[in-house]
C-alpha atoms as a PDB file:
ATOM      1  CA  MET A   1    -277.170 -98.210 -24.935  1.00  0.00           C
ATOM      2  CA  GLY A   2    -275.684 -94.957 -26.221  1.00  0.00           C
ATOM      3  CA  GLY A   3    -274.717 -94.448 -29.847  1.00  0.00           C
ATOM      4  CA  GLU A   4    -271.096 -93.856 -28.914  1.00  0.00           C
ATOM      5  CA  ASN A   5    -270.924 -97.372 -27.434  1.00  0.00           C
ATOM      6  CA  MET A   6    -272.280 -99.111 -30.514  1.00  0.00           C
ATOM      7  CA  ASP A   7    -269.781-101.115 -32.531  1.00  0.00           C
ATOM      8  CA  TYR A   8    -271.081-100.348 -36.006  1.00  0.00           C
ATOM      9  CA  PHE A   9    -268.359-102.391 -37.708  1.00  0.00           C
ATOM     10  CA  THR A  10    -269.326-105.573 -35.825  1.00  0.00           C
ATOM     11  CA  ILE A  11    -273.023-104.926 -36.457  1.00  0.00           C
ATOM     12  CA  GLY A  12    -272.249-104.402 -40.148  1.00  0.00           C
ATOM     13  CA  GLN A  13    -270.319-107.673 -40.249  1.00  0.00           C
ATOM     14  CA  ARG A  14    -273.304-109.491 -38.703  1.00  0.00           C
ATOM     15  CA  ILE A  15    -275.584-107.980 -41.342  1.00  0.00           C
ATOM     16  CA  ARG A  16    -273.148-109.035 -44.091  1.00  0.00           C
ATOM     17  CA  ALA A  17    -272.992-112.617 -42.743  1.00  0.00           C
ATOM     18  CA  LEU A  18    -276.791-112.835 -42.478  1.00  0.00           C
ATOM     19  CA  ARG A  19    -277.165-111.420 -46.000  1.00  0.00           C
ATOM     20  CA  LYS A  20    -274.744-113.994 -47.377  1.00  0.00           C
ATOM     21  CA  GLU A  21    -276.592-116.796 -45.539  1.00  0.00           C
ATOM     22  CA  LYS A  22    -279.716-115.697 -47.413  1.00  0.00           C
ATOM     23  CA  LYS A  23    -277.699-115.623 -50.651  1.00  0.00           C
ATOM     24  CA  LEU A  24    -278.589-111.977 -51.266  1.00  0.00           C
ATOM     25  CA  SER A  25    -276.359-109.395 -52.919  1.00  0.00           C
ATOM     26  CA  GLN A  26    -275.905-105.991 -51.285  1.00  0.00           C
ATOM     27  CA  GLU A  27    -278.044-104.573 -54.080  1.00  0.00           C
ATOM     28  CA  GLN A  28    -280.866-107.077 -53.482  1.00  0.00           C
ATOM     29  CA  LEU A  29    -280.944-106.421 -49.733  1.00  0.00           C
ATOM     30  CA  ALA A  30    -280.724-102.662 -50.255  1.00  0.00           C
ATOM     31  CA  GLU A  31    -283.745-102.826 -52.580  1.00  0.00           C
ATOM     32  CA  LYS A  32    -285.737-104.765 -49.971  1.00  0.00           C
ATOM     33  CA  VAL A  33    -285.172-102.040 -47.358  1.00  0.00           C
ATOM     34  CA  TRP A  34    -285.408 -99.065 -49.721  1.00  0.00           C
ATOM     35  CA  ILE A  35    -281.847 -97.785 -49.337  1.00  0.00           C
ATOM     36  CA  SER A  36    -279.049 -97.315 -51.873  1.00  0.00           C
ATOM     37  CA  THR A  37    -276.474-100.015 -52.488  1.00  0.00           C
ATOM     38  CA  THR A  38    -273.816 -97.501 -51.390  1.00  0.00           C
ATOM     39  CA  HIS A  39    -275.611 -96.973 -48.078  1.00  0.00           C
ATOM     40  CA  MET A  40    -275.873-100.770 -47.665  1.00  0.00           C
ATOM     41  CA  SER A  41    -272.127-101.058 -48.256  1.00  0.00           C
ATOM     42  CA  HIS A  42    -271.421 -98.322 -45.697  1.00  0.00           C
ATOM     43  CA  ILE A  43    -273.621-100.084 -43.127  1.00  0.00           C
ATOM     44  CA  GLU A  44    -271.810-103.382 -43.651  1.00  0.00           C
ATOM     45  CA  ASN A  45    -268.345-101.860 -43.333  1.00  0.00           C
ATOM     46  CA  GLY A  46    -269.364 -99.765 -40.310  1.00  0.00           C
ATOM     47  CA  SER A  47    -268.595 -96.401 -41.901  1.00  0.00           C
ATOM     48  CA  THR A  48    -272.090 -95.067 -41.239  1.00  0.00           C
ATOM     49  CA  LYS A  49    -274.421 -95.215 -38.268  1.00  0.00           C
ATOM     50  CA  LEU A  50    -277.385 -97.510 -38.667  1.00  0.00           C
ATOM     51  CA  SER A  51    -280.736 -95.788 -38.106  1.00  0.00           C
ATOM     52  CA  LEU A  52    -283.454 -97.532 -36.136  1.00  0.00           C
ATOM     53  CA  PRO A  53    -285.952 -97.686 -39.055  1.00  0.00           C
ATOM     54  CA  VAL A  54    -283.302 -99.239 -41.328  1.00  0.00           C
ATOM     55  CA  LEU A  55    -282.300-101.691 -38.574  1.00  0.00           C
ATOM     56  CA  VAL A  56    -285.915-102.829 -38.215  1.00  0.00           C
ATOM     57  CA  ASP A  57    -286.321-103.150 -41.991  1.00  0.00           C
ATOM     58  CA  LEU A  58    -283.056-105.109 -42.305  1.00  0.00           C
ATOM     59  CA  ALA A  59    -284.079-107.507 -39.534  1.00  0.00           C
ATOM     60  CA  ALA A  60    -287.420-108.129 -41.254  1.00  0.00           C
ATOM     61  CA  ALA A  61    -285.785-108.607 -44.667  1.00  0.00           C
ATOM     62  CA  LEU A  62    -283.250-111.041 -43.199  1.00  0.00           C
ATOM     63  CA  GLY A  63    -285.812-112.921 -41.101  1.00  0.00           C
ATOM     64  CA  VAL A  64    -284.048-112.289 -37.785  1.00  0.00           C
ATOM     65  CA  SER A  65    -284.654-110.214 -34.666  1.00  0.00           C
ATOM     66  CA  THR A  66    -283.080-106.795 -34.225  1.00  0.00           C
ATOM     67  CA  ASN A  67    -281.423-108.283 -31.136  1.00  0.00           C
ATOM     68  CA  GLU A  68    -279.650-110.851 -33.295  1.00  0.00           C
ATOM     69  CA  ILE A  69    -278.236-108.061 -35.468  1.00  0.00           C
ATOM     70  CA  LEU A  70    -277.225-105.857 -32.535  1.00  0.00           C
ATOM     71  CA  SER A  71    -275.873-108.463 -30.135  1.00  0.00           C
ATOM     72  CA  GLY A  72    -275.360-111.552 -32.249  1.00  0.00           C
ATOM     73  CA  GLN A  73    -277.553-113.429 -29.790  1.00  0.00           C
ATOM     74  CA  GLY A  74    -280.338-115.539 -31.114  1.00  0.00           C
ATOM     75  CA  LYS A  75    -278.784-117.943 -33.514  1.00  0.00           C
ATOM     76  CA  GLU A  76    -276.326-119.427 -31.018  1.00  0.00           C
ATOM     77  CA  SER A  77    -278.956-120.033 -28.341  1.00  0.00           C
ATOM     78  CA  ARG A  78    -281.324-121.455 -30.944  1.00  0.00           C
ATOM     79  CA  GLY A  79    -278.630-123.902 -32.013  1.00  0.00           C
ATOM     80  CA  GLU A  80    -278.202-124.972 -28.382  1.00  0.00           C
ATOM     81  CA  ASP A  81    -281.957-125.487 -28.084  1.00  0.00           C
ATOM     82  CA  TYR A  82    -281.984-127.638 -31.216  1.00  0.00           C
ATOM     83  CA  ALA A  83    -279.092-129.689 -29.854  1.00  0.00           C
ATOM     84  CA  GLN A  84    -280.938-130.304 -26.567  1.00  0.00           C
ATOM     85  CA  VAL A  85    -284.141-131.332 -28.346  1.00  0.00           C
ATOM     86  CA  LYS A  86    -282.176-133.603 -30.691  1.00  0.00           C
ATOM     87  CA  GLU A  87    -280.513-135.267 -27.690  1.00  0.00           C
ATOM     88  CA  ILE A  88    -283.928-135.955 -26.148  1.00  0.00           C
ATOM     89  CA  LEU A  89    -285.368-137.272 -29.415  1.00  0.00           C
ATOM     90  CA  ASP A  90    -282.340-139.480 -30.069  1.00  0.00           C
ATOM     91  CA  GLY A  91    -283.143-141.322 -26.837  1.00  0.00           C
ATOM     92  CA  CYS A  92    -286.743-142.056 -27.861  1.00  0.00           C
ATOM     93  CA  THR A  93    -288.325-145.190 -29.227  1.00  0.00           C
ATOM     94  CA  GLU A  94    -290.162-144.927 -32.558  1.00  0.00           C
ATOM     95  CA  LYS A  95    -293.519-144.802 -30.737  1.00  0.00           C
ATOM     96  CA  GLN A  96    -292.297-142.082 -28.355  1.00  0.00           C
ATOM     97  CA  LEU A  97    -290.966-140.099 -31.307  1.00  0.00           C
ATOM     98  CA  ARG A  98    -294.341-140.231 -33.110  1.00  0.00           C
ATOM     99  CA  ILE A  99    -296.170-139.141 -29.937  1.00  0.00           C
ATOM    100  CA  LEU A 100    -293.738-136.287 -29.269  1.00  0.00           C
ATOM    101  CA  THR A 101    -294.027-135.143 -32.884  1.00  0.00           C
ATOM    102  CA  GLU A 102    -297.808-134.875 -32.484  1.00  0.00           C
ATOM    103  CA  ILE A 103    -297.423-133.037 -29.158  1.00  0.00           C
ATOM    104  CA  VAL A 104    -294.986-130.535 -30.665  1.00  0.00           C
ATOM    105  CA  ARG A 105    -297.232-130.035 -33.712  1.00  0.00           C
ATOM    106  CA  SER A 106    -300.253-129.365 -31.452  1.00  0.00           C
ATOM    107  CA  ALA A 107    -298.303-127.094 -29.125  1.00  0.00           C
ATOM    108  CA  LYS A 108    -296.962-125.057 -32.063  1.00  0.00           C
ATOM    109  CA  ALA A 109    -300.474-124.684 -33.532  1.00  0.00           C
ATOM    110  CA  ALA A 110    -301.759-123.452 -30.156  1.00  0.00           C
ATOM    111  CA  LEU A 111    -298.854-120.999 -29.819  1.00  0.00           C
ATOM    112  CA  ASP A 112    -299.506-119.637 -33.299  1.00  0.00           C
ATOM    113  CA  LYS A 113    -303.217-119.282 -32.536  1.00  0.00           C
ATOM    114  CA  TYR A 114    -302.860-117.444 -29.238  1.00  0.00           C
ATOM    115  CA  GLN A 115    -299.860-115.203 -29.841  1.00  0.00           C
END
């Protein structure tokens, strides 16, 4: 993925949308990633190239993957996953729902432990 092929405006718009979702001002996000508010503004409007260290810091500050910032992928597929799980759970009895909740809780604990 060469720099000349990057759409910095679209990436900046994704960053702006994610920042607004987190209810952060440009100044607040800039402080979190140790850049100036002016630089943050330039990143969001696509008038400057985004460096890799700043991209990584922004992703961490926004609680998303760098892939979500660069490609916009992540949130949409996660929403689809939630919808599929909800569809399964909606078809469960109360007893099945309690059992599945315990299974998911145990599976998540194991994933956290071994990752």
